[in-house]
């Protein structure tokens, strides 16, 4: 709710700025109309004056009113990226790490490919396991060595500014998980 009040407050300030500037615009417009009536301005010069003194300020006010939340968003992104860079310099890992404790169920390649086959009645997605991501799946399978097992996994990815519950498939080699293939995630709102 506080965001709504902040948005309305900024909107009110912008409204006041537009209102104050509209007094200037209306005075300029009165002067232009008087000059046109007296014959001091030609129609072409009058339209240039209207464009410069009326249309441009109104367009700028509308742009500022609509665009200010986007400017705040860009600033927040910049701060977040700066903070991420600081954490990365401190050695904090920012990639998803899957461990054997995250594994859920062992599955065969044929069972996975059957479950993950995309059926699209419009044929926009290839009729292959994982659809457009099939080539990534094929690369994942190439990492498998003799004796490796494929398991489903669910792991939490803590990026500092966002936590995600990620799921997919992982290769289990002994007690190690050398490779994983993420198929989806859900943002954790409690972050």
Foldseek 3Di string as FASTA:
>chain_A
DVVVVVLVVVLVVLVVVLVVLVVVLVVQVVVLVVCVVVVVDDPVRSVVSCCVRPVVVVVVSVCCSPCVVVVVVVVVVVVVVVVLVVCVVVVDDQDDDDFLVFFDAWDDPVVQFVVQQDDDPVCPFPRGRVTPCVVVVVVQVVPDDPPKTKTKGWDWRCRPVWIKTWIFIFIQDPRGTPDTDTDDIDTDPVD
